N, C-alpha and C. Protein backbone atom coordinates (compact mmCIF):
# COMPACT_ATOMS: atom_id res chain seq x y z
N MET A 1 156.95 139.16 113.24
CA MET A 1 155.76 138.53 112.76
C MET A 1 155.61 137.16 113.44
N PRO A 2 154.44 136.89 113.97
CA PRO A 2 154.29 135.61 114.66
C PRO A 2 154.24 134.47 113.65
N SER A 3 154.72 133.37 113.98
CA SER A 3 154.69 132.25 113.06
C SER A 3 153.35 131.52 113.19
N VAL A 4 152.91 131.01 112.06
CA VAL A 4 151.62 130.31 111.99
C VAL A 4 151.92 128.90 111.51
N PRO A 5 151.29 127.95 112.12
CA PRO A 5 151.53 126.60 111.65
C PRO A 5 151.09 126.44 110.19
N LEU A 6 151.80 125.64 109.45
CA LEU A 6 151.54 125.43 108.03
C LEU A 6 150.12 124.93 107.79
N ARG A 7 149.66 124.07 108.65
CA ARG A 7 148.31 123.52 108.50
C ARG A 7 147.27 124.65 108.55
N GLU A 8 147.35 125.56 109.54
CA GLU A 8 146.40 126.68 109.65
C GLU A 8 146.50 127.58 108.43
N HIS A 9 147.74 127.82 108.01
CA HIS A 9 147.93 128.66 106.83
C HIS A 9 147.26 128.04 105.61
N LEU A 10 147.47 126.76 105.38
CA LEU A 10 146.87 126.09 104.22
C LEU A 10 145.35 126.03 104.35
N GLU A 11 144.83 125.81 105.57
CA GLU A 11 143.38 125.79 105.76
C GLU A 11 142.78 127.17 105.49
N ALA A 12 143.47 128.22 105.97
CA ALA A 12 143.00 129.59 105.73
C ALA A 12 143.05 129.91 104.24
N ALA A 13 144.11 129.50 103.55
CA ALA A 13 144.23 129.73 102.11
C ALA A 13 143.15 128.97 101.35
N ALA A 14 142.87 127.73 101.78
CA ALA A 14 141.83 126.93 101.12
C ALA A 14 140.46 127.56 101.33
N ALA A 15 140.20 128.06 102.56
CA ALA A 15 138.91 128.71 102.84
C ALA A 15 138.76 129.97 102.00
N ALA A 16 139.84 130.75 101.89
CA ALA A 16 139.78 131.97 101.07
C ALA A 16 139.55 131.61 99.61
N GLU A 17 140.20 130.57 99.13
CA GLU A 17 140.03 130.14 97.73
C GLU A 17 138.61 129.66 97.50
N LYS A 18 138.08 128.90 98.49
CA LYS A 18 136.70 128.42 98.37
C LYS A 18 135.72 129.60 98.32
N GLU A 19 135.95 130.60 99.17
CA GLU A 19 135.10 131.79 99.19
C GLU A 19 135.19 132.52 97.85
N ARG A 20 136.41 132.63 97.31
CA ARG A 20 136.60 133.31 96.03
C ARG A 20 135.89 132.55 94.91
N VAL A 21 136.01 131.22 94.90
CA VAL A 21 135.35 130.40 93.87
C VAL A 21 133.84 130.55 93.99
N ASN A 22 133.31 130.53 95.23
CA ASN A 22 131.87 130.70 95.42
C ASN A 22 131.40 132.06 94.93
N LEU A 23 132.17 133.10 95.18
CA LEU A 23 131.83 134.45 94.71
C LEU A 23 131.84 134.50 93.19
N LEU A 24 132.87 133.95 92.57
CA LEU A 24 132.94 133.92 91.11
C LEU A 24 131.79 133.11 90.52
N PHE A 25 131.46 131.98 91.17
CA PHE A 25 130.34 131.17 90.69
C PHE A 25 129.03 131.96 90.79
N SER A 26 128.85 132.68 91.90
CA SER A 26 127.64 133.50 92.07
C SER A 26 127.56 134.57 90.99
N ILE A 27 128.70 135.19 90.70
CA ILE A 27 128.73 136.21 89.65
C ILE A 27 128.38 135.58 88.29
N ALA A 28 128.95 134.41 88.02
CA ALA A 28 128.67 133.71 86.76
C ALA A 28 127.19 133.34 86.65
N VAL A 29 126.59 132.88 87.75
CA VAL A 29 125.16 132.53 87.75
C VAL A 29 124.32 133.77 87.50
N ALA A 30 124.67 134.89 88.16
CA ALA A 30 123.92 136.13 87.97
C ALA A 30 124.04 136.60 86.52
N ALA A 31 125.24 136.52 85.96
CA ALA A 31 125.43 136.92 84.56
C ALA A 31 124.64 136.02 83.63
N ALA A 32 124.66 134.72 83.89
CA ALA A 32 123.90 133.78 83.06
C ALA A 32 122.40 134.06 83.16
N ALA A 33 121.93 134.38 84.36
CA ALA A 33 120.52 134.71 84.54
C ALA A 33 120.16 135.97 83.76
N PHE A 34 121.03 136.98 83.82
CA PHE A 34 120.79 138.22 83.07
C PHE A 34 120.74 137.94 81.57
N VAL A 35 121.70 137.14 81.09
CA VAL A 35 121.74 136.80 79.66
C VAL A 35 120.49 136.03 79.28
N TRP A 36 120.07 135.09 80.14
CA TRP A 36 118.87 134.31 79.87
C TRP A 36 117.64 135.21 79.77
N VAL A 37 117.50 136.14 80.70
CA VAL A 37 116.36 137.07 80.68
C VAL A 37 116.39 137.90 79.40
N GLU A 38 117.57 138.38 79.01
CA GLU A 38 117.68 139.19 77.80
C GLU A 38 117.35 138.37 76.54
N ILE A 39 117.83 137.13 76.51
CA ILE A 39 117.51 136.26 75.37
C ILE A 39 116.00 136.03 75.29
N MET A 40 115.37 135.77 76.41
CA MET A 40 113.92 135.55 76.43
C MET A 40 113.16 136.81 75.99
N ARG A 41 113.64 137.98 76.42
CA ARG A 41 113.01 139.23 76.02
C ARG A 41 113.10 139.41 74.50
N ARG A 42 114.29 139.16 73.97
CA ARG A 42 114.48 139.31 72.52
C ARG A 42 113.67 138.29 71.74
N LEU A 43 113.59 137.06 72.24
CA LEU A 43 112.76 136.06 71.59
C LEU A 43 111.29 136.48 71.60
N GLY A 44 110.85 137.08 72.71
CA GLY A 44 109.49 137.59 72.77
C GLY A 44 109.23 138.65 71.73
N VAL A 45 110.20 139.55 71.58
CA VAL A 45 110.07 140.61 70.56
C VAL A 45 110.01 139.99 69.17
N LEU A 46 110.91 139.02 68.91
CA LEU A 46 110.91 138.36 67.60
C LEU A 46 109.62 137.61 67.34
N ASN A 47 109.12 136.91 68.36
CA ASN A 47 107.87 136.18 68.19
C ASN A 47 106.72 137.13 67.91
N HIS A 48 106.70 138.26 68.60
CA HIS A 48 105.65 139.26 68.37
C HIS A 48 105.75 139.80 66.94
N ALA A 49 106.97 140.11 66.51
CA ALA A 49 107.16 140.62 65.15
C ALA A 49 106.77 139.55 64.12
N HIS A 50 107.07 138.31 64.42
CA HIS A 50 106.70 137.23 63.51
C HIS A 50 105.18 137.11 63.42
N GLN A 51 104.50 137.19 64.54
CA GLN A 51 103.03 137.12 64.53
C GLN A 51 102.44 138.28 63.74
N GLU A 52 103.01 139.48 63.91
CA GLU A 52 102.54 140.64 63.14
C GLU A 52 102.76 140.41 61.65
N ALA A 53 103.90 139.85 61.29
CA ALA A 53 104.19 139.57 59.87
C ALA A 53 103.20 138.56 59.31
N ILE A 54 102.84 137.57 60.10
CA ILE A 54 101.85 136.59 59.65
C ILE A 54 100.51 137.27 59.42
N GLU A 55 100.10 138.14 60.35
CA GLU A 55 98.82 138.84 60.20
C GLU A 55 98.84 139.75 58.98
N VAL A 56 99.95 140.45 58.76
CA VAL A 56 100.06 141.30 57.57
C VAL A 56 100.03 140.45 56.31
N GLY A 57 100.70 139.30 56.36
CA GLY A 57 100.72 138.40 55.22
C GLY A 57 99.34 137.89 54.84
N LYS A 58 98.42 137.81 55.80
CA LYS A 58 97.06 137.36 55.52
C LYS A 58 96.27 138.39 54.73
N THR A 59 96.68 139.66 54.78
CA THR A 59 95.93 140.72 54.12
C THR A 59 96.68 141.36 52.96
N THR A 60 97.80 140.77 52.56
CA THR A 60 98.57 141.33 51.45
C THR A 60 98.93 140.22 50.46
N VAL A 61 99.33 140.65 49.27
CA VAL A 61 99.80 139.70 48.25
C VAL A 61 101.19 140.11 47.81
N ARG A 62 101.91 139.16 47.24
CA ARG A 62 103.24 139.47 46.73
C ARG A 62 103.11 140.45 45.57
N ASP A 63 104.15 141.22 45.33
CA ASP A 63 104.13 142.24 44.29
C ASP A 63 103.93 141.63 42.90
N ASP A 64 104.56 140.49 42.60
CA ASP A 64 104.42 139.90 41.27
C ASP A 64 102.97 139.47 41.02
N ILE A 65 102.31 138.94 42.05
CA ILE A 65 100.90 138.56 41.90
C ILE A 65 100.05 139.81 41.70
N TYR A 66 100.34 140.87 42.48
CA TYR A 66 99.59 142.12 42.33
C TYR A 66 99.76 142.68 40.92
N GLN A 67 100.99 142.71 40.42
CA GLN A 67 101.25 143.27 39.09
C GLN A 67 100.53 142.47 38.01
N GLN A 68 100.56 141.14 38.12
CA GLN A 68 99.87 140.30 37.13
C GLN A 68 98.37 140.57 37.19
N ASP A 69 97.82 140.65 38.39
CA ASP A 69 96.39 140.92 38.53
C ASP A 69 96.05 142.31 38.00
N LYS A 70 96.96 143.27 38.20
CA LYS A 70 96.75 144.63 37.71
C LYS A 70 96.69 144.64 36.18
N ILE A 71 97.55 143.85 35.54
CA ILE A 71 97.53 143.77 34.08
C ILE A 71 96.19 143.23 33.61
N VAL A 72 95.70 142.19 34.27
CA VAL A 72 94.41 141.60 33.91
C VAL A 72 93.29 142.61 34.11
N ARG A 73 93.32 143.30 35.26
CA ARG A 73 92.29 144.31 35.52
C ARG A 73 92.34 145.44 34.51
N ASP A 74 93.55 145.91 34.18
CA ASP A 74 93.68 146.99 33.20
C ASP A 74 93.14 146.56 31.84
N GLU A 75 93.40 145.30 31.45
CA GLU A 75 92.85 144.81 30.19
C GLU A 75 91.33 144.78 30.22
N LYS A 76 90.76 144.35 31.34
CA LYS A 76 89.30 144.33 31.46
C LYS A 76 88.73 145.75 31.40
N ILE A 77 89.38 146.68 32.09
CA ILE A 77 88.92 148.07 32.08
C ILE A 77 89.01 148.64 30.68
N ASP A 78 90.10 148.37 29.96
CA ASP A 78 90.23 148.83 28.58
C ASP A 78 89.11 148.27 27.71
N GLY A 79 88.78 146.99 27.89
CA GLY A 79 87.70 146.37 27.14
C GLY A 79 86.36 147.03 27.44
N ILE A 80 86.13 147.31 28.72
CA ILE A 80 84.87 147.98 29.11
C ILE A 80 84.81 149.38 28.52
N GLU A 81 85.92 150.10 28.58
CA GLU A 81 85.95 151.47 28.02
C GLU A 81 85.72 151.44 26.51
N GLN A 82 86.30 150.46 25.81
CA GLN A 82 86.08 150.36 24.37
C GLN A 82 84.62 150.04 24.07
N GLU A 83 84.04 149.14 24.86
CA GLU A 83 82.62 148.80 24.67
C GLU A 83 81.73 150.01 24.93
N GLN A 84 82.06 150.79 25.95
CA GLN A 84 81.29 152.01 26.22
C GLN A 84 81.43 153.00 25.08
N ALA A 85 82.63 153.13 24.54
CA ALA A 85 82.83 154.04 23.40
C ALA A 85 82.01 153.58 22.20
N ARG A 86 81.99 152.27 21.91
CA ARG A 86 81.18 151.76 20.80
C ARG A 86 79.69 152.01 21.05
N THR A 87 79.27 151.81 22.31
CA THR A 87 77.87 152.03 22.66
C THR A 87 77.51 153.51 22.49
N ARG A 88 78.39 154.40 22.97
CA ARG A 88 78.14 155.84 22.80
C ARG A 88 78.05 156.21 21.32
N THR A 89 78.98 155.68 20.54
CA THR A 89 78.98 155.98 19.11
C THR A 89 77.68 155.47 18.48
N ALA A 90 77.25 154.27 18.85
CA ALA A 90 76.02 153.72 18.31
C ALA A 90 74.82 154.58 18.72
N ARG A 91 74.80 155.05 19.95
CA ARG A 91 73.68 155.90 20.42
C ARG A 91 73.66 157.23 19.67
N VAL A 92 74.84 157.82 19.54
CA VAL A 92 74.91 159.11 18.83
C VAL A 92 74.49 158.92 17.38
N THR A 93 74.93 157.83 16.78
CA THR A 93 74.54 157.55 15.38
C THR A 93 73.03 157.36 15.28
N THR A 94 72.47 156.59 16.21
CA THR A 94 71.02 156.35 16.21
C THR A 94 70.26 157.66 16.39
N ILE A 95 70.71 158.48 17.33
CA ILE A 95 70.05 159.77 17.56
C ILE A 95 70.14 160.64 16.31
N ALA A 96 71.30 160.65 15.66
CA ALA A 96 71.47 161.46 14.45
C ALA A 96 70.55 160.96 13.33
N ILE A 97 70.44 159.62 13.17
CA ILE A 97 69.57 159.05 12.13
C ILE A 97 68.11 159.36 12.42
N VAL A 98 67.70 159.17 13.70
CA VAL A 98 66.31 159.44 14.08
C VAL A 98 66.00 160.93 13.90
N THR A 99 66.93 161.78 14.29
CA THR A 99 66.72 163.23 14.13
C THR A 99 66.64 163.58 12.65
N GLY A 100 67.55 163.03 11.86
CA GLY A 100 67.52 163.31 10.41
C GLY A 100 66.24 162.80 9.78
N ALA A 101 65.82 161.59 10.16
CA ALA A 101 64.58 161.02 9.61
C ALA A 101 63.38 161.86 10.04
N SER A 102 63.39 162.33 11.26
CA SER A 102 62.28 163.18 11.74
C SER A 102 62.23 164.48 10.96
N VAL A 103 63.38 165.05 10.69
CA VAL A 103 63.42 166.30 9.91
C VAL A 103 62.90 166.04 8.50
N VAL A 104 63.35 164.94 7.88
CA VAL A 104 62.89 164.61 6.52
C VAL A 104 61.39 164.37 6.53
N LEU A 105 60.90 163.61 7.50
CA LEU A 105 59.46 163.36 7.58
C LEU A 105 58.70 164.66 7.81
N GLY A 106 59.28 165.52 8.66
CA GLY A 106 58.62 166.81 8.89
C GLY A 106 58.55 167.64 7.61
N ILE A 107 59.60 167.62 6.83
CA ILE A 107 59.60 168.38 5.56
C ILE A 107 58.61 167.77 4.59
N ILE A 108 58.55 166.42 4.55
CA ILE A 108 57.59 165.75 3.67
C ILE A 108 56.17 166.12 4.07
N VAL A 109 55.91 166.12 5.36
CA VAL A 109 54.57 166.47 5.84
C VAL A 109 54.27 167.91 5.48
N LEU A 110 55.25 168.78 5.65
CA LEU A 110 55.02 170.20 5.30
C LEU A 110 54.76 170.35 3.79
N PHE A 111 55.51 169.63 2.95
CA PHE A 111 55.26 169.69 1.51
C PHE A 111 53.91 169.12 1.18
N ALA A 112 53.55 168.02 1.87
CA ALA A 112 52.27 167.39 1.61
C ALA A 112 51.12 168.33 1.99
N ASN A 113 51.29 169.12 3.01
CA ASN A 113 50.24 170.04 3.45
C ASN A 113 50.33 171.36 2.74
N GLY A 114 51.28 171.50 1.85
CA GLY A 114 51.43 172.72 1.07
C GLY A 114 51.95 173.90 1.86
N LYS A 115 52.72 173.68 2.90
CA LYS A 115 53.25 174.76 3.72
C LYS A 115 54.51 175.34 3.11
N PHE A 116 55.10 174.69 2.08
CA PHE A 116 56.30 175.24 1.44
C PHE A 116 55.97 175.75 0.10
């Protein structure tokens, strides 16, 4: 094996080490760039999902508010239904009284005219 001066050997070793460090640095930069791109992509997805949630939030209410409002609406509907039932009963009663009075008047008229 031929002998190599120590200086050349150390310079060659230093150059190889420098090349290795540069390669590792390049790999680290590429990995960091990939990670950065992936982080930005995920942030974009999260921002989009957040915007969608905001839009949905503009057209919806919390469940507790909905349930409370439903109770109020159900009470109002029950009140309206009760009022309608009272109105129906009053109409039926009025119709029955008018019909009964008409029958009585008709009988009185028939008696008055001697038809019975």
